[in-house]
Structure formats: C-alpha cells, structure tokens
Amino acid sequence: MRPPGRYAHARHILVGSKSQAQAILDEITKAKKPLKVFKKMARDYSKCSTSAQKGDLGEFHEKQMVPEFSKQVWAQEIEKCDCFIKTRFGFHLIWVHTRDD
C-alpha cells in the first residue's frame, strides 16, 4: 500500500540555462505533436539521468520532488507544456500525464 498523499506521473527536461529552456519550449509549443517533441528533446538535451527514458519520472509522491517542482506539477494543465521553472538543479520543462487533484 502506498503512503497517503498526492501522486503524479510526469516527464521533465532539465537544462542548465534559461535560453536553452526557452528554445526547447518554443519547439514544443509550436509542434503539431508536442508530446513527441517533448520526448525527443528530453532524450537529446536533458541533463537528468531520465533522458534515457525520454524524461519519464514515473509515478511519484508530491514530497519526493523539490517544492518548486511539485508546485508546478499540480498547477499546470495535464498533457501540456507551456512554461518552465527554475530550481537549484537548473531549468525544468514538465509534462504531466496524470495526477491526484
């Protein structure tokens, strides 16, 4: 049985600069198939070890992530990426597949 709390399934792309995050976001937002582009960009550009899984973080508890990341996961629209955030690790673009609301 899993611990109580909220859970989500998401992907992310982690890059080191705001300009790179913006360039990737521009590609995703203009794409006809944004998830496909998100996965490709995650594989090609993310500094996170999840790049091999196209950014897939799997299911996680809201407390497993840094506060800024979790806040964004529960704030943004599902199945969409229209912004990026900054944490102590760098700049993240997030794609939320599912979440407990």
N, C-alpha and C. Protein backbone atom coordinates (compact mmCIF):
# COMPACT_ATOMS: atom_id res chain seq x y z
N MET A 1 0.84 -1.18 0.00
CA MET A 1 0.00 0.00 0.00
C MET A 1 0.89 1.25 0.00
N ARG A 2 0.55 2.21 -0.83
CA ARG A 2 1.37 3.42 -0.91
C ARG A 2 1.00 4.41 0.18
N PRO A 3 1.98 5.21 0.62
CA PRO A 3 1.72 6.22 1.65
C PRO A 3 0.66 7.22 1.19
N PRO A 4 -0.08 7.81 2.15
CA PRO A 4 -1.10 8.79 1.78
C PRO A 4 -0.46 10.05 1.18
N GLY A 5 -1.24 10.76 0.41
CA GLY A 5 -0.76 11.98 -0.23
C GLY A 5 -1.09 11.98 -1.71
N ARG A 6 -0.64 13.02 -2.36
CA ARG A 6 -0.92 13.16 -3.80
C ARG A 6 0.21 12.55 -4.61
N TYR A 7 -0.18 11.95 -5.75
CA TYR A 7 0.77 11.33 -6.66
C TYR A 7 0.56 11.88 -8.06
N ALA A 8 1.64 11.86 -8.83
CA ALA A 8 1.57 12.28 -10.23
C ALA A 8 2.49 11.40 -11.06
N HIS A 9 2.24 11.37 -12.33
CA HIS A 9 3.13 10.74 -13.31
C HIS A 9 3.50 11.84 -14.30
N ALA A 10 4.79 12.10 -14.42
CA ALA A 10 5.23 13.20 -15.28
C ALA A 10 6.57 12.88 -15.94
N ARG A 11 6.89 13.70 -16.91
CA ARG A 11 8.20 13.71 -17.57
C ARG A 11 8.79 15.09 -17.34
N HIS A 12 10.12 15.18 -17.48
CA HIS A 12 10.72 16.51 -17.42
C HIS A 12 11.98 16.56 -18.27
N ILE A 13 12.34 17.78 -18.59
CA ILE A 13 13.59 18.06 -19.29
C ILE A 13 14.33 19.03 -18.37
N LEU A 14 15.57 18.70 -18.06
CA LEU A 14 16.40 19.54 -17.20
C LEU A 14 17.57 20.09 -18.01
N VAL A 15 17.65 21.41 -18.07
CA VAL A 15 18.75 22.07 -18.78
C VAL A 15 19.37 23.13 -17.87
N GLY A 16 20.54 23.61 -18.28
CA GLY A 16 21.30 24.50 -17.43
C GLY A 16 21.08 25.98 -17.63
N SER A 17 20.38 26.36 -18.70
CA SER A 17 20.22 27.80 -18.93
C SER A 17 18.78 28.15 -19.31
N LYS A 18 18.43 29.37 -18.98
CA LYS A 18 17.10 29.89 -19.31
C LYS A 18 16.91 29.95 -20.83
N SER A 19 17.96 30.35 -21.54
CA SER A 19 17.84 30.47 -23.00
C SER A 19 17.61 29.10 -23.65
N GLN A 20 18.27 28.07 -23.13
CA GLN A 20 18.06 26.72 -23.68
C GLN A 20 16.65 26.24 -23.35
N ALA A 21 16.19 26.50 -22.13
CA ALA A 21 14.82 26.12 -21.76
C ALA A 21 13.81 26.81 -22.66
N GLN A 22 14.03 28.08 -22.94
CA GLN A 22 13.10 28.82 -23.80
C GLN A 22 13.11 28.28 -25.22
N ALA A 23 14.27 27.94 -25.74
CA ALA A 23 14.37 27.39 -27.10
C ALA A 23 13.63 26.05 -27.20
N ILE A 24 13.79 25.22 -26.19
CA ILE A 24 13.10 23.92 -26.19
C ILE A 24 11.59 24.14 -26.05
N LEU A 25 11.18 25.04 -25.17
CA LEU A 25 9.77 25.34 -25.01
C LEU A 25 9.16 25.83 -26.32
N ASP A 26 9.88 26.67 -27.03
CA ASP A 26 9.39 27.18 -28.32
C ASP A 26 9.14 26.04 -29.30
N GLU A 27 10.04 25.06 -29.33
CA GLU A 27 9.87 23.90 -30.23
C GLU A 27 8.65 23.08 -29.84
N ILE A 28 8.48 22.88 -28.55
CA ILE A 28 7.35 22.07 -28.06
C ILE A 28 6.02 22.77 -28.34
N THR A 29 5.93 24.06 -28.05
CA THR A 29 4.65 24.76 -28.19
C THR A 29 4.23 24.95 -29.65
N LYS A 30 5.16 24.96 -30.58
CA LYS A 30 4.78 25.10 -31.99
C LYS A 30 4.57 23.77 -32.69
N ALA A 31 4.84 22.66 -32.01
CA ALA A 31 4.75 21.33 -32.63
C ALA A 31 3.30 20.88 -32.79
N LYS A 32 3.05 20.14 -33.85
CA LYS A 32 1.73 19.54 -34.06
C LYS A 32 1.52 18.37 -33.09
N LYS A 33 2.61 17.70 -32.72
CA LYS A 33 2.57 16.60 -31.75
C LYS A 33 3.53 16.94 -30.62
N PRO A 34 3.09 17.80 -29.69
CA PRO A 34 4.00 18.30 -28.66
C PRO A 34 4.62 17.23 -27.76
N LEU A 35 3.88 16.17 -27.42
CA LEU A 35 4.45 15.13 -26.57
C LEU A 35 5.60 14.42 -27.28
N LYS A 36 5.44 14.16 -28.55
CA LYS A 36 6.50 13.51 -29.33
C LYS A 36 7.77 14.38 -29.32
N VAL A 37 7.60 15.68 -29.51
CA VAL A 37 8.73 16.60 -29.50
C VAL A 37 9.33 16.69 -28.09
N PHE A 38 8.47 16.71 -27.06
CA PHE A 38 8.94 16.75 -25.68
C PHE A 38 9.85 15.55 -25.41
N LYS A 39 9.39 14.36 -25.79
CA LYS A 39 10.18 13.14 -25.57
C LYS A 39 11.53 13.21 -26.28
N LYS A 40 11.52 13.68 -27.52
CA LYS A 40 12.77 13.79 -28.29
C LYS A 40 13.72 14.79 -27.64
N MET A 41 13.19 15.93 -27.23
CA MET A 41 14.02 16.94 -26.59
C MET A 41 14.57 16.43 -25.25
N ALA A 42 13.76 15.68 -24.52
CA ALA A 42 14.23 15.11 -23.25
C ALA A 42 15.39 14.15 -23.50
N ARG A 43 15.24 13.32 -24.49
CA ARG A 43 16.30 12.35 -24.82
C ARG A 43 17.56 13.05 -25.27
N ASP A 44 17.41 14.09 -26.08
CA ASP A 44 18.57 14.75 -26.70
C ASP A 44 19.24 15.80 -25.82
N TYR A 45 18.49 16.47 -24.94
CA TYR A 45 19.05 17.63 -24.25
C TYR A 45 19.03 17.61 -22.72
N SER A 46 18.20 16.75 -22.12
CA SER A 46 18.09 16.78 -20.66
C SER A 46 19.39 16.33 -19.99
N LYS A 47 19.76 17.04 -18.92
CA LYS A 47 20.94 16.70 -18.13
C LYS A 47 20.61 15.65 -17.06
N CYS A 48 19.37 15.27 -16.95
CA CYS A 48 18.93 14.30 -15.95
C CYS A 48 19.14 12.87 -16.47
N SER A 49 19.37 11.96 -15.56
CA SER A 49 19.55 10.56 -15.95
C SER A 49 18.29 9.98 -16.58
N THR A 50 17.14 10.63 -16.40
CA THR A 50 15.90 10.15 -17.03
C THR A 50 15.88 10.42 -18.53
N SER A 51 16.89 11.08 -19.05
CA SER A 51 16.91 11.35 -20.50
C SER A 51 16.83 10.05 -21.30
N ALA A 52 17.42 8.98 -20.78
CA ALA A 52 17.38 7.69 -21.47
C ALA A 52 15.95 7.15 -21.56
N GLN A 53 15.08 7.59 -20.65
CA GLN A 53 13.66 7.20 -20.67
C GLN A 53 12.79 8.33 -21.22
N LYS A 54 13.40 9.21 -22.00
CA LYS A 54 12.69 10.35 -22.60
C LYS A 54 12.05 11.22 -21.53
N GLY A 55 12.78 11.37 -20.40
CA GLY A 55 12.34 12.25 -19.34
C GLY A 55 11.33 11.68 -18.37
N ASP A 56 10.96 10.41 -18.54
CA ASP A 56 9.90 9.82 -17.73
C ASP A 56 10.34 9.64 -16.28
N LEU A 57 9.65 10.30 -15.38
CA LEU A 57 9.91 10.20 -13.94
C LEU A 57 9.09 9.10 -13.28
N GLY A 58 8.16 8.51 -14.03
CA GLY A 58 7.26 7.53 -13.45
C GLY A 58 6.31 8.20 -12.49
N GLU A 59 5.69 7.40 -11.64
CA GLU A 59 4.79 7.96 -10.64
C GLU A 59 5.59 8.35 -9.40
N PHE A 60 5.28 9.49 -8.83
CA PHE A 60 5.99 9.96 -7.65
C PHE A 60 5.04 10.67 -6.70
N HIS A 61 5.42 10.68 -5.44
CA HIS A 61 4.69 11.38 -4.38
C HIS A 61 5.09 12.85 -4.41
N GLU A 62 4.17 13.73 -4.12
CA GLU A 62 4.45 15.17 -4.17
C GLU A 62 5.64 15.58 -3.31
N LYS A 63 5.91 14.86 -2.24
CA LYS A 63 7.02 15.20 -1.34
C LYS A 63 8.37 14.68 -1.83
N GLN A 64 8.36 13.88 -2.90
CA GLN A 64 9.61 13.34 -3.44
C GLN A 64 10.39 14.39 -4.24
N MET A 65 9.72 15.41 -4.69
CA MET A 65 10.35 16.42 -5.54
C MET A 65 10.58 17.71 -4.75
N VAL A 66 11.49 18.53 -5.25
CA VAL A 66 11.71 19.82 -4.60
C VAL A 66 10.39 20.62 -4.68
N PRO A 67 10.15 21.50 -3.71
CA PRO A 67 8.85 22.20 -3.64
C PRO A 67 8.45 22.93 -4.91
N GLU A 68 9.39 23.59 -5.57
CA GLU A 68 9.06 24.35 -6.79
C GLU A 68 8.56 23.41 -7.88
N PHE A 69 9.17 22.24 -7.98
CA PHE A 69 8.79 21.26 -9.00
C PHE A 69 7.39 20.74 -8.71
N SER A 70 7.15 20.30 -7.47
CA SER A 70 5.83 19.78 -7.12
C SER A 70 4.73 20.83 -7.31
N LYS A 71 5.02 22.04 -6.90
CA LYS A 71 4.03 23.12 -7.07
C LYS A 71 3.63 23.26 -8.53
N GLN A 72 4.59 23.21 -9.44
CA GLN A 72 4.30 23.34 -10.86
C GLN A 72 3.53 22.14 -11.39
N VAL A 73 3.88 20.94 -10.94
CA VAL A 73 3.17 19.73 -11.38
C VAL A 73 1.68 19.83 -11.09
N TRP A 74 1.34 20.36 -9.91
CA TRP A 74 -0.09 20.46 -9.55
C TRP A 74 -0.74 21.74 -10.04
N ALA A 75 0.02 22.66 -10.59
CA ALA A 75 -0.55 23.91 -11.08
C ALA A 75 -0.84 23.89 -12.58
N GLN A 76 -0.03 23.19 -13.34
CA GLN A 76 -0.17 23.28 -14.80
C GLN A 76 -1.21 22.31 -15.35
N GLU A 77 -1.59 22.56 -16.59
CA GLU A 77 -2.56 21.69 -17.25
C GLU A 77 -1.93 20.34 -17.54
N ILE A 78 -2.77 19.30 -17.47
CA ILE A 78 -2.32 17.96 -17.81
C ILE A 78 -2.14 17.86 -19.32
N GLU A 79 -1.14 17.07 -19.74
CA GLU A 79 -0.85 16.82 -21.15
C GLU A 79 -0.50 18.10 -21.91
N LYS A 80 0.23 19.00 -21.24
CA LYS A 80 0.62 20.26 -21.89
C LYS A 80 1.90 20.77 -21.24
N CYS A 81 2.71 21.45 -22.03
CA CYS A 81 3.91 22.11 -21.50
C CYS A 81 3.94 23.51 -22.10
N ASP A 82 3.72 24.51 -21.24
CA ASP A 82 3.68 25.87 -21.76
C ASP A 82 4.55 26.84 -20.95
N CYS A 83 5.42 26.29 -20.10
CA CYS A 83 6.33 27.13 -19.34
C CYS A 83 7.49 26.29 -18.82
N PHE A 84 8.43 26.94 -18.17
CA PHE A 84 9.50 26.22 -17.49
C PHE A 84 9.71 26.87 -16.14
N ILE A 85 10.35 26.14 -15.24
CA ILE A 85 10.61 26.66 -13.90
C ILE A 85 12.09 26.49 -13.58
N LYS A 86 12.53 27.23 -12.57
CA LYS A 86 13.91 27.13 -12.11
C LYS A 86 13.93 26.54 -10.71
N THR A 87 14.83 25.57 -10.51
CA THR A 87 15.11 25.02 -9.19
C THR A 87 16.62 25.08 -8.98
N ARG A 88 17.08 24.58 -7.85
CA ARG A 88 18.52 24.57 -7.60
C ARG A 88 19.27 23.64 -8.57
N PHE A 89 18.54 22.78 -9.28
CA PHE A 89 19.17 21.86 -10.23
C PHE A 89 19.32 22.45 -11.62
N GLY A 90 18.52 23.47 -11.93
CA GLY A 90 18.54 24.08 -13.25
C GLY A 90 17.13 24.45 -13.67
N PHE A 91 16.90 24.44 -14.97
CA PHE A 91 15.61 24.81 -15.54
C PHE A 91 14.88 23.54 -16.00
N HIS A 92 13.61 23.43 -15.59
CA HIS A 92 12.81 22.24 -15.88
C HIS A 92 11.63 22.59 -16.77
N LEU A 93 11.41 21.76 -17.77
CA LEU A 93 10.16 21.77 -18.53
C LEU A 93 9.45 20.49 -18.10
N ILE A 94 8.17 20.58 -17.82
CA ILE A 94 7.44 19.46 -17.23
C ILE A 94 6.24 19.11 -18.09
N TRP A 95 6.02 17.81 -18.26
CA TRP A 95 4.84 17.29 -18.94
C TRP A 95 4.15 16.36 -17.95
N VAL A 96 2.95 16.72 -17.52
CA VAL A 96 2.20 15.91 -16.56
C VAL A 96 1.24 15.00 -17.31
N HIS A 97 1.39 13.70 -17.07
CA HIS A 97 0.47 12.73 -17.69
C HIS A 97 -0.78 12.57 -16.84
N THR A 98 -0.60 12.33 -15.54
CA THR A 98 -1.71 12.17 -14.61
C THR A 98 -1.32 12.73 -13.25
N ARG A 99 -2.33 13.04 -12.44
CA ARG A 99 -2.07 13.45 -11.06
C ARG A 99 -3.34 13.36 -10.25
N ASP A 100 -3.15 13.20 -8.94
CA ASP A 100 -4.25 13.25 -7.99
C ASP A 100 -4.51 14.72 -7.69
N ASP A 101 -5.76 15.14 -7.81
CA ASP A 101 -6.08 16.54 -7.51
C ASP A 101 -6.78 16.70 -6.19
